[in-house]
């Protein structure tokens, strides 16, 4: 399992996060989310720790903590759901709720 870290500064680097999380145990991986289209950071990341106990310690210590001028949101990452959301309207094929009359 991994940890979700939200409300990050857009200037944060993976090494910055790794340094912070190393205080709570072994850091296996850090992944800062990047927008596919713009290449800009999205303000959140995922951190994978060595053990569940290390993850719990990091979450307890860092959730709500101020870092780089922002209050972090740190919790267990939720598993990615299959399919995801396609966005937009669901099940509405009549273009914006209006029906055409011919």
PDB file of N, CA and C in Angstrom:
ATOM      1  N   UNK A   1       0.856  -1.187   0.000  1.00  0.00           N
ATOM      2  CA  UNK A   1       0.000   0.000   0.000  1.00  0.00           C
ATOM      3  C   UNK A   1       0.889   1.234   0.000  1.00  0.00           C
ATOM      4  N   UNK A   2       0.328   2.335  -0.419  1.00  0.00           N
ATOM      5  CA  UNK A   2       1.112   3.562  -0.413  1.00  0.00           C
ATOM      6  C   UNK A   2       0.346   4.686   0.271  1.00  0.00           C
ATOM      7  N   UNK A   3       1.035   5.792   0.436  1.00  0.00           N
ATOM      8  CA  UNK A   3       0.488   6.953   1.121  1.00  0.00           C
ATOM      9  C   UNK A   3       0.192   8.041   0.087  1.00  0.00           C
ATOM     10  N   UNK A   4      -0.969   8.662   0.208  1.00  0.00           N
ATOM     11  CA  UNK A   4      -1.330   9.820  -0.607  1.00  0.00           C
ATOM     12  C   UNK A   4      -0.871  11.061   0.146  1.00  0.00           C
ATOM     13  N   UNK A   5      -0.195  11.962  -0.543  1.00  0.00           N
ATOM     14  CA  UNK A   5       0.239  13.224   0.046  1.00  0.00           C
ATOM     15  C   UNK A   5      -0.327  14.341  -0.819  1.00  0.00           C
ATOM     16  N   UNK A   6      -1.266  15.082  -0.265  1.00  0.00           N
ATOM     17  CA  UNK A   6      -1.930  16.133  -1.023  1.00  0.00           C
ATOM     18  C   UNK A   6      -1.627  17.525  -0.496  1.00  0.00           C
ATOM     19  N   UNK A   7      -2.058  18.520  -1.249  1.00  0.00           N
ATOM     20  CA  UNK A   7      -1.869  19.941  -0.968  1.00  0.00           C
ATOM     21  C   UNK A   7      -0.388  20.310  -0.959  1.00  0.00           C
ATOM     22  N   UNK A   8       0.357  19.709  -1.896  1.00  0.00           N
ATOM     23  CA  UNK A   8       1.787  19.986  -2.007  1.00  0.00           C
ATOM     24  C   UNK A   8       2.046  21.267  -2.783  1.00  0.00           C
ATOM     25  N   UNK A   9       3.150  21.885  -2.468  1.00  0.00           N
ATOM     26  CA  UNK A   9       3.624  23.018  -3.256  1.00  0.00           C
ATOM     27  C   UNK A   9       3.967  22.495  -4.651  1.00  0.00           C
ATOM     28  N   UNK A  10       3.721  23.310  -5.667  1.00  0.00           N
ATOM     29  CA  UNK A  10       4.016  22.879  -7.036  1.00  0.00           C
ATOM     30  C   UNK A  10       5.523  22.849  -7.312  1.00  0.00           C
ATOM     31  N   UNK A  11       6.325  23.351  -6.380  1.00  0.00           N
ATOM     32  CA  UNK A  11       7.779  23.324  -6.562  1.00  0.00           C
ATOM     33  C   UNK A  11       8.421  22.112  -5.896  1.00  0.00           C
ATOM     34  N   UNK A  12       7.640  21.256  -5.237  1.00  0.00           N
ATOM     35  CA  UNK A  12       8.209  20.109  -4.527  1.00  0.00           C
ATOM     36  C   UNK A  12       8.814  19.099  -5.511  1.00  0.00           C
ATOM     37  N   UNK A  13       9.928  18.518  -5.098  1.00  0.00           N
ATOM     38  CA  UNK A  13      10.608  17.498  -5.895  1.00  0.00           C
ATOM     39  C   UNK A  13      10.531  16.168  -5.146  1.00  0.00           C
ATOM     40  N   UNK A  14      10.718  15.072  -5.862  1.00  0.00           N
ATOM     41  CA  UNK A  14      10.672  13.750  -5.243  1.00  0.00           C
ATOM     42  C   UNK A  14      11.694  13.632  -4.116  1.00  0.00           C
ATOM     43  N   UNK A  15      12.882  14.187  -4.296  1.00  0.00           N
ATOM     44  CA  UNK A  15      13.922  14.121  -3.258  1.00  0.00           C
ATOM     45  C   UNK A  15      13.490  14.859  -1.992  1.00  0.00           C
ATOM     46  N   UNK A  16      12.766  15.973  -2.141  1.00  0.00           N
ATOM     47  CA  UNK A  16      12.271  16.714  -0.974  1.00  0.00           C
ATOM     48  C   UNK A  16      11.353  15.829  -0.143  1.00  0.00           C
ATOM     49  N   UNK A  17      10.426  15.173  -0.806  1.00  0.00           N
ATOM     50  CA  UNK A  17       9.488  14.283  -0.101  1.00  0.00           C
ATOM     51  C   UNK A  17      10.211  13.110   0.532  1.00  0.00           C
ATOM     52  N   UNK A  18      11.154  12.549  -0.183  1.00  0.00           N
ATOM     53  CA  UNK A  18      11.890  11.397   0.340  1.00  0.00           C
ATOM     54  C   UNK A  18      12.591  11.768   1.651  1.00  0.00           C
ATOM     55  N   UNK A  19      13.210  12.949   1.694  1.00  0.00           N
ATOM     56  CA  UNK A  19      13.888  13.389   2.917  1.00  0.00           C
ATOM     57  C   UNK A  19      12.929  13.475   4.096  1.00  0.00           C
ATOM     58  N   UNK A  20      11.735  14.017   3.860  1.00  0.00           N
ATOM     59  CA  UNK A  20      10.754  14.163   4.932  1.00  0.00           C
ATOM     60  C   UNK A  20      10.293  12.792   5.432  1.00  0.00           C
ATOM     61  N   UNK A  21       9.978  11.885   4.516  1.00  0.00           N
ATOM     62  CA  UNK A  21       9.439  10.585   4.902  1.00  0.00           C
ATOM     63  C   UNK A  21      10.497   9.637   5.459  1.00  0.00           C
ATOM     64  N   UNK A  22      11.770   9.869   5.153  1.00  0.00           N
ATOM     65  CA  UNK A  22      12.847   9.039   5.711  1.00  0.00           C
ATOM     66  C   UNK A  22      12.910   9.129   7.232  1.00  0.00           C
ATOM     67  N   UNK A  23      12.396  10.206   7.795  1.00  0.00           N
ATOM     68  CA  UNK A  23      12.365  10.345   9.256  1.00  0.00           C
ATOM     69  C   UNK A  23      11.477   9.280   9.907  1.00  0.00           C
ATOM     70  N   UNK A  24      10.597   8.656   9.126  1.00  0.00           N
ATOM     71  CA  UNK A  24       9.634   7.691   9.673  1.00  0.00           C
ATOM     72  C   UNK A  24       9.903   6.261   9.213  1.00  0.00           C
ATOM     73  N   UNK A  25      10.971   6.047   8.462  1.00  0.00           N
ATOM     74  CA  UNK A  25      11.322   4.694   8.043  1.00  0.00           C
ATOM     75  C   UNK A  25      11.871   4.649   6.633  1.00  0.00           C
ATOM     76  N   UNK A  26      11.874   3.453   6.076  1.00  0.00           N
ATOM     77  CA  UNK A  26      12.405   3.220   4.744  1.00  0.00           C
ATOM     78  C   UNK A  26      11.434   3.723   3.684  1.00  0.00           C
ATOM     79  N   UNK A  27      11.939   4.490   2.748  1.00  0.00           N
ATOM     80  CA  UNK A  27      11.127   4.982   1.633  1.00  0.00           C
ATOM     81  C   UNK A  27      11.486   4.151   0.407  1.00  0.00           C
ATOM     82  N   UNK A  28      10.508   3.374  -0.074  1.00  0.00           N
ATOM     83  CA  UNK A  28      10.743   2.536  -1.250  1.00  0.00           C
ATOM     84  C   UNK A  28      10.622   3.320  -2.549  1.00  0.00           C
ATOM     85  N   UNK A  29       9.618   4.219  -2.583  1.00  0.00           N
ATOM     86  CA  UNK A  29       9.353   4.929  -3.838  1.00  0.00           C
ATOM     87  C   UNK A  29       8.585   6.214  -3.555  1.00  0.00           C
ATOM     88  N   UNK A  30       8.873   7.241  -4.339  1.00  0.00           N
ATOM     89  CA  UNK A  30       8.134   8.505  -4.294  1.00  0.00           C
ATOM     90  C   UNK A  30       7.750   8.844  -5.726  1.00  0.00           C
ATOM     91  N   UNK A  31       6.486   9.197  -5.917  1.00  0.00           N
ATOM     92  CA  UNK A  31       6.020   9.555  -7.254  1.00  0.00           C
ATOM     93  C   UNK A  31       5.175  10.823  -7.172  1.00  0.00           C
ATOM     94  N   UNK A  32       5.711  11.916  -7.702  1.00  0.00           N
ATOM     95  CA  UNK A  32       4.985  13.189  -7.759  1.00  0.00           C
ATOM     96  C   UNK A  32       4.122  13.158  -9.020  1.00  0.00           C
ATOM     97  N   UNK A  33       2.835  13.452  -8.866  1.00  0.00           N
ATOM     98  CA  UNK A  33       1.906  13.412 -10.004  1.00  0.00           C
ATOM     99  C   UNK A  33       2.165  14.569 -10.959  1.00  0.00           C
ATOM    100  N   UNK A  34       2.230  14.233 -12.251  1.00  0.00           N
ATOM    101  CA  UNK A  34       2.475  15.213 -13.310  1.00  0.00           C
ATOM    102  C   UNK A  34       1.306  15.156 -14.298  1.00  0.00           C
ATOM    103  N   UNK A  35       0.820  16.325 -14.708  1.00  0.00           N
ATOM    104  CA  UNK A  35      -0.244  16.389 -15.706  1.00  0.00           C
ATOM    105  C   UNK A  35       0.303  15.925 -17.056  1.00  0.00           C
ATOM    106  N   UNK A  36      -0.379  14.986 -17.692  1.00  0.00           N
ATOM    107  CA  UNK A  36       0.085  14.425 -18.968  1.00  0.00           C
ATOM    108  C   UNK A  36       0.144  15.450 -20.087  1.00  0.00           C
ATOM    109  N   UNK A  37      -0.806  16.356 -20.098  1.00  0.00           N
ATOM    110  CA  UNK A  37      -0.875  17.323 -21.196  1.00  0.00           C
ATOM    111  C   UNK A  37       0.081  18.502 -21.026  1.00  0.00           C
ATOM    112  N   UNK A  38       0.180  19.026 -19.801  1.00  0.00           N
ATOM    113  CA  UNK A  38       0.974  20.231 -19.594  1.00  0.00           C
ATOM    114  C   UNK A  38       2.377  19.951 -19.062  1.00  0.00           C
ATOM    115  N   UNK A  39       2.578  18.780 -18.451  1.00  0.00           N
ATOM    116  CA  UNK A  39       3.869  18.464 -17.848  1.00  0.00           C
ATOM    117  C   UNK A  39       4.079  19.146 -16.506  1.00  0.00           C
ATOM    118  N   UNK A  40       3.055  19.839 -16.003  1.00  0.00           N
ATOM    119  CA  UNK A  40       3.143  20.537 -14.723  1.00  0.00           C
ATOM    120  C   UNK A  40       2.790  19.597 -13.580  1.00  0.00           C
ATOM    121  N   UNK A  41       3.368  19.866 -12.412  1.00  0.00           N
ATOM    122  CA  UNK A  41       3.041  19.077 -11.220  1.00  0.00           C
ATOM    123  C   UNK A  41       1.596  19.365 -10.818  1.00  0.00           C
ATOM    124  N   UNK A  42       0.936  18.336 -10.260  1.00  0.00           N
ATOM    125  CA  UNK A  42      -0.490  18.457  -9.939  1.00  0.00           C
ATOM    126  C   UNK A  42      -0.766  18.736  -8.465  1.00  0.00           C
ATOM    127  N   UNK A  43       0.263  18.821  -7.627  1.00  0.00           N
ATOM    128  CA  UNK A  43       0.049  19.176  -6.223  1.00  0.00           C
ATOM    129  C   UNK A  43      -0.196  17.995  -5.311  1.00  0.00           C
ATOM    130  N   UNK A  44       0.055  16.790  -5.789  1.00  0.00           N
ATOM    131  CA  UNK A  44      -0.038  15.628  -4.912  1.00  0.00           C
ATOM    132  C   UNK A  44       0.977  14.584  -5.340  1.00  0.00           C
ATOM    133  N   UNK A  45       1.201  13.606  -4.443  1.00  0.00           N
ATOM    134  CA  UNK A  45       2.199  12.567  -4.701  1.00  0.00           C
ATOM    135  C   UNK A  45       1.814  11.300  -3.967  1.00  0.00           C
ATOM    136  N   UNK A  46       2.530  10.235  -4.275  1.00  0.00           N
ATOM    137  CA  UNK A  46       2.368   8.965  -3.583  1.00  0.00           C
ATOM    138  C   UNK A  46       3.724   8.537  -3.054  1.00  0.00           C
ATOM    139  N   UNK A  47       3.731   8.062  -1.809  1.00  0.00           N
ATOM    140  CA  UNK A  47       4.962   7.607  -1.171  1.00  0.00           C
ATOM    141  C   UNK A  47       4.735   6.179  -0.698  1.00  0.00           C
ATOM    142  N   UNK A  48       5.663   5.305  -1.024  1.00  0.00           N
ATOM    143  CA  UNK A  48       5.590   3.918  -0.578  1.00  0.00           C
ATOM    144  C   UNK A  48       6.679   3.697   0.460  1.00  0.00           C
ATOM    145  N   UNK A  49       6.258   3.245   1.643  1.00  0.00           N
ATOM    146  CA  UNK A  49       7.189   3.013   2.754  1.00  0.00           C
ATOM    147  C   UNK A  49       7.491   1.516   2.871  1.00  0.00           C
ATOM    148  N   UNK A  50       8.463   1.185   3.713  1.00  0.00           N
ATOM    149  CA  UNK A  50       8.895  -0.200   3.890  1.00  0.00           C
ATOM    150  C   UNK A  50       7.885  -1.088   4.587  1.00  0.00           C
ATOM    151  N   UNK A  51       7.201  -0.566   5.609  1.00  0.00           N
ATOM    152  CA  UNK A  51       6.243  -1.379   6.367  1.00  0.00           C
ATOM    153  C   UNK A  51       4.970  -0.584   6.651  1.00  0.00           C
ATOM    154  N   UNK A  52       3.938  -1.307   7.042  1.00  0.00           N
ATOM    155  CA  UNK A  52       2.672  -0.663   7.423  1.00  0.00           C
ATOM    156  C   UNK A  52       2.872   0.230   8.650  1.00  0.00           C
ATOM    157  N   UNK A  53       3.712  -0.200   9.580  1.00  0.00           N
ATOM    158  CA  UNK A  53       3.964   0.584  10.791  1.00  0.00           C
ATOM    159  C   UNK A  53       4.641   1.908  10.443  1.00  0.00           C
ATOM    160  N   UNK A  54       5.572   1.876   9.491  1.00  0.00           N
ATOM    161  CA  UNK A  54       6.232   3.104   9.060  1.00  0.00           C
ATOM    162  C   UNK A  54       5.239   4.037   8.372  1.00  0.00           C
ATOM    163  N   UNK A  55       4.357   3.472   7.562  1.00  0.00           N
ATOM    164  CA  UNK A  55       3.326   4.280   6.907  1.00  0.00           C
ATOM    165  C   UNK A  55       2.433   4.944   7.941  1.00  0.00           C
ATOM    166  N   UNK A  56       2.002   4.174   8.939  1.00  0.00           N
ATOM    167  CA  UNK A  56       1.119   4.713   9.980  1.00  0.00           C
ATOM    168  C   UNK A  56       1.804   5.831  10.751  1.00  0.00           C
ATOM    169  N   UNK A  57       3.084   5.667  11.059  1.00  0.00           N
ATOM    170  CA  UNK A  57       3.831   6.700  11.791  1.00  0.00           C
ATOM    171  C   UNK A  57       3.933   7.974  10.963  1.00  0.00           C
ATOM    172  N   UNK A  58       4.208   7.837   9.675  1.00  0.00           N
ATOM    173  CA  UNK A  58       4.319   9.005   8.801  1.00  0.00           C
ATOM    174  C   UNK A  58       2.976   9.721   8.674  1.00  0.00           C
ATOM    175  N   UNK A  59       1.902   8.960   8.505  1.00  0.00           N
ATOM    176  CA  UNK A  59       0.566   9.553   8.380  1.00  0.00           C
ATOM    177  C   UNK A  59       0.206  10.310   9.653  1.00  0.00           C
ATOM    178  N   UNK A  60       0.412   9.672  10.815  1.00  0.00           N
ATOM    179  CA  UNK A  60       0.087  10.314  12.096  1.00  0.00           C
ATOM    180  C   UNK A  60       0.860  11.609  12.294  1.00  0.00           C
ATOM    181  N   UNK A  61       2.130  11.600  11.910  1.00  0.00           N
ATOM    182  CA  UNK A  61       2.987  12.763  12.150  1.00  0.00           C
ATOM    183  C   UNK A  61       2.767  13.889  11.137  1.00  0.00           C
ATOM    184  N   UNK A  62       2.475  13.539   9.901  1.00  0.00           N
ATOM    185  CA  UNK A  62       2.481  14.549   8.839  1.00  0.00           C
ATOM    186  C   UNK A  62       1.114  15.056   8.398  1.00  0.00           C
ATOM    187  N   UNK A  63       0.037  14.339   8.679  1.00  0.00           N
ATOM    188  CA  UNK A  63      -1.276  14.807   8.247  1.00  0.00           C
ATOM    189  C   UNK A  63      -1.603  16.124   8.957  1.00  0.00           C
ATOM    190  N   UNK A  64      -1.799  17.161   8.191  1.00  0.00           N
ATOM    191  CA  UNK A  64      -2.111  18.485   8.734  1.00  0.00           C
ATOM    192  C   UNK A  64      -0.887  19.332   9.050  1.00  0.00           C
ATOM    193  N   UNK A  65       0.302  18.742   8.941  1.00  0.00           N
ATOM    194  CA  UNK A  65       1.527  19.488   9.242  1.00  0.00           C
ATOM    195  C   UNK A  65       1.802  20.524   8.153  1.00  0.00           C
ATOM    196  N   UNK A  66       2.388  21.652   8.563  1.00  0.00           N
ATOM    197  CA  UNK A  66       2.757  22.675   7.587  1.00  0.00           C
ATOM    198  C   UNK A  66       4.126  22.351   7.016  1.00  0.00           C
ATOM    199  N   UNK A  67       4.228  22.388   5.690  1.00  0.00           N
ATOM    200  CA  UNK A  67       5.493  22.130   5.009  1.00  0.00           C
ATOM    201  C   UNK A  67       5.508  22.927   3.721  1.00  0.00           C
ATOM    202  N   UNK A  68       6.569  23.670   3.507  1.00  0.00           N
ATOM    203  CA  UNK A  68       6.726  24.522   2.328  1.00  0.00           C
ATOM    204  C   UNK A  68       5.539  25.485   2.177  1.00  0.00           C
ATOM    205  N   UNK A  69       5.063  25.985   3.322  1.00  0.00           N
ATOM    206  CA  UNK A  69       3.993  26.973   3.313  1.00  0.00           C
ATOM    207  C   UNK A  69       2.592  26.419   3.112  1.00  0.00           C
ATOM    208  N   UNK A  70       2.440  25.098   3.167  1.00  0.00           N
ATOM    209  CA  UNK A  70       1.111  24.498   2.965  1.00  0.00           C
ATOM    210  C   UNK A  70       0.842  23.449   4.026  1.00  0.00           C
ATOM    211  N   UNK A  71      -0.439  23.244   4.351  1.00  0.00           N
ATOM    212  CA  UNK A  71      -0.830  22.196   5.290  1.00  0.00           C
ATOM    213  C   UNK A  71      -1.064  20.903   4.511  1.00  0.00           C
ATOM    214  N   UNK A  72      -0.248  19.902   4.800  1.00  0.00           N
ATOM    215  CA  UNK A  72      -0.304  18.638   4.063  1.00  0.00           C
ATOM    216  C   UNK A  72      -1.551  17.832   4.386  1.00  0.00           C
ATOM    217  N   UNK A  73      -2.018  17.116   3.418  1.00  0.00           N
ATOM    218  CA  UNK A  73      -3.087  16.124   3.586  1.00  0.00           C
ATOM    219  C   UNK A  73      -2.418  14.778   3.332  1.00  0.00           C
ATOM    220  N   UNK A  74      -2.286  13.973   4.375  1.00  0.00           N
ATOM    221  CA  UNK A  74      -1.557  12.712   4.267  1.00  0.00           C
ATOM    222  C   UNK A  74      -2.443  11.586   4.780  1.00  0.00           C
ATOM    223  N   UNK A  75      -2.708  10.600   3.917  1.00  0.00           N
ATOM    224  CA  UNK A  75      -3.496   9.439   4.334  1.00  0.00           C
ATOM    225  C   UNK A  75      -3.166   8.235   3.459  1.00  0.00           C
ATOM    226  N   UNK A  76      -3.749   7.089   3.824  1.00  0.00           N
ATOM    227  CA  UNK A  76      -3.537   5.892   3.010  1.00  0.00           C
ATOM    228  C   UNK A  76      -4.127   6.120   1.633  1.00  0.00           C
ATOM    229  N   UNK A  77      -3.385   5.747   0.627  1.00  0.00           N
ATOM    230  CA  UNK A  77      -3.881   5.885  -0.745  1.00  0.00           C
ATOM    231  C   UNK A  77      -4.989   4.874  -0.977  1.00  0.00           C
ATOM    232  N   UNK A  78      -6.023   5.294  -1.669  1.00  0.00           N
ATOM    233  CA  UNK A  78      -7.114   4.383  -2.023  1.00  0.00           C
ATOM    234  C   UNK A  78      -6.735   3.663  -3.306  1.00  0.00           C
ATOM    235  N   UNK A  79      -7.053   2.375  -3.399  1.00  0.00           N
ATOM    236  CA  UNK A  79      -6.719   1.643  -4.628  1.00  0.00           C
ATOM    237  C   UNK A  79      -7.404   2.259  -5.835  1.00  0.00           C
ATOM    238  N   UNK A  80      -6.696   2.262  -6.945  1.00  0.00           N
ATOM    239  CA  UNK A  80      -7.247   2.786  -8.188  1.00  0.00           C
ATOM    240  C   UNK A  80      -8.399   1.890  -8.624  1.00  0.00           C
ATOM    241  N   UNK A  81      -9.520   2.502  -8.966  1.00  0.00           N
ATOM    242  CA  UNK A  81     -10.671   1.718  -9.387  1.00  0.00           C
ATOM    243  C   UNK A  81     -10.576   1.391 -10.865  1.00  0.00           C
ATOM    244  N   UNK A  82     -11.092   0.260 -11.230  1.00  0.00           N
ATOM    245  CA  UNK A  82     -11.086  -0.160 -12.632  1.00  0.00           C
ATOM    246  C   UNK A  82     -12.021   0.736 -13.436  1.00  0.00           C
ATOM    247  N   UNK A  83     -11.584   1.142 -14.606  1.00  0.00           N
ATOM    248  CA  UNK A  83     -12.438   1.922 -15.504  1.00  0.00           C
ATOM    249  C   UNK A  83     -12.431   3.401 -15.203  1.00  0.00           C
ATOM    250  N   UNK A  84     -12.532   3.770 -13.931  1.00  0.00           N
ATOM    251  CA  UNK A  84     -12.530   5.181 -13.575  1.00  0.00           C
ATOM    252  C   UNK A  84     -13.741   5.917 -14.110  1.00  0.00           C
ATOM    253  N   UNK A  85     -13.706   7.192 -13.989  1.00  0.00           N
ATOM    254  CA  UNK A  85     -14.799   8.028 -14.459  1.00  0.00           C
ATOM    255  C   UNK A  85     -14.441   8.617 -15.816  1.00  0.00           C
ATOM    256  N   UNK A  86     -15.386   8.583 -16.712  1.00  0.00           N
ATOM    257  CA  UNK A  86     -15.151   9.181 -18.018  1.00  0.00           C
ATOM    258  C   UNK A  86     -15.512  10.659 -18.009  1.00  0.00           C
ATOM    259  N   UNK A  87     -16.078  11.113 -16.914  1.00  0.00           N
ATOM    260  CA  UNK A  87     -16.459  12.513 -16.798  1.00  0.00           C
ATOM    261  C   UNK A  87     -17.720  12.809 -17.595  1.00  0.00           C
ATOM    262  N   UNK A  88     -18.190  14.008 -17.475  1.00  0.00           N
ATOM    263  CA  UNK A  88     -19.369  14.406 -18.247  1.00  0.00           C
ATOM    264  C   UNK A  88     -20.646  13.748 -17.770  1.00  0.00           C
ATOM    265  N   UNK A  89     -21.653  13.819 -18.617  1.00  0.00           N
ATOM    266  CA  UNK A  89     -22.966  13.265 -18.281  1.00  0.00           C
ATOM    267  C   UNK A  89     -22.980  11.755 -18.455  1.00  0.00           C
ATOM    268  N   UNK A  90     -23.818  11.104 -17.677  1.00  0.00           N
ATOM    269  CA  UNK A  90     -23.968   9.656 -17.803  1.00  0.00           C
ATOM    270  C   UNK A  90     -25.376   9.333 -18.278  1.00  0.00           C
ATOM    271  N   UNK A  91     -25.458   8.488 -19.251  1.00  0.00           N
ATOM    272  CA  UNK A  91     -26.755   7.985 -19.691  1.00  0.00           C
ATOM    273  C   UNK A  91     -27.682   9.020 -20.297  1.00  0.00           C
ATOM    274  N   UNK A  92     -27.150  10.130 -20.743  1.00  0.00           N
ATOM    275  CA  UNK A  92     -27.987  11.170 -21.305  1.00  0.00           C
ATOM    276  C   UNK A  92     -27.523  11.410 -22.735  1.00  0.00           C
ATOM    277  N   UNK A  93     -28.226  10.823 -23.670  1.00  0.00           N
ATOM    278  CA  UNK A  93     -27.828  10.911 -25.071  1.00  0.00           C
ATOM    279  C   UNK A  93     -28.538  12.014 -25.838  1.00  0.00           C
ATOM    280  N   UNK A  94     -29.294  12.856 -25.132  1.00  0.00           N
ATOM    281  CA  UNK A  94     -30.041  13.867 -25.874  1.00  0.00           C
ATOM    282  C   UNK A  94     -29.431  15.263 -25.737  1.00  0.00           C
ATOM    283  N   UNK A  95     -28.144  15.352 -25.701  1.00  0.00           N
ATOM    284  CA  UNK A  95     -27.379  16.591 -25.778  1.00  0.00           C
ATOM    285  C   UNK A  95     -27.854  17.692 -24.847  1.00  0.00           C
ATOM    286  N   UNK A  96     -27.403  17.624 -23.631  1.00  0.00           N
ATOM    287  CA  UNK A  96     -27.694  18.694 -22.686  1.00  0.00           C
ATOM    288  C   UNK A  96     -29.095  18.679 -22.118  1.00  0.00           C
ATOM    289  N   UNK A  97     -29.814  17.600 -22.245  1.00  0.00           N
ATOM    290  CA  UNK A  97     -31.141  17.510 -21.671  1.00  0.00           C
ATOM    291  C   UNK A  97     -32.243  18.030 -22.579  1.00  0.00           C
ATOM    292  N   UNK A  98     -31.900  18.529 -23.742  1.00  0.00           N
ATOM    293  CA  UNK A  98     -32.911  19.015 -24.674  1.00  0.00           C
ATOM    294  C   UNK A  98     -33.163  17.972 -25.726  1.00  0.00           C
ATOM    295  N   UNK A  99     -34.392  17.765 -26.061  1.00  0.00           N
ATOM    296  CA  UNK A  99     -34.682  16.807 -27.122  1.00  0.00           C
ATOM    297  C   UNK A  99     -34.953  17.560 -28.413  1.00  0.00           C
ATOM    298  N   UNK A 100     -34.533  16.994 -29.486  1.00  0.00           N
ATOM    299  CA  UNK A 100     -34.740  17.615 -30.797  1.00  0.00           C
ATOM    300  C   UNK A 100     -36.044  17.130 -31.382  1.00  0.00           C
ATOM    301  N   UNK A 101     -36.742  18.023 -31.969  1.00  0.00           N
ATOM    302  CA  UNK A 101     -37.970  17.639 -32.688  1.00  0.00           C
ATOM    303  C   UNK A 101     -37.737  17.889 -34.156  1.00  0.00           C
ATOM    304  N   UNK A 102     -38.069  16.927 -34.946  1.00  0.00           N
ATOM    305  CA  UNK A 102     -37.834  17.052 -36.391  1.00  0.00           C
ATOM    306  C   UNK A 102     -39.092  17.354 -37.118  1.00  0.00           C
TER     307      UNK A 102
END
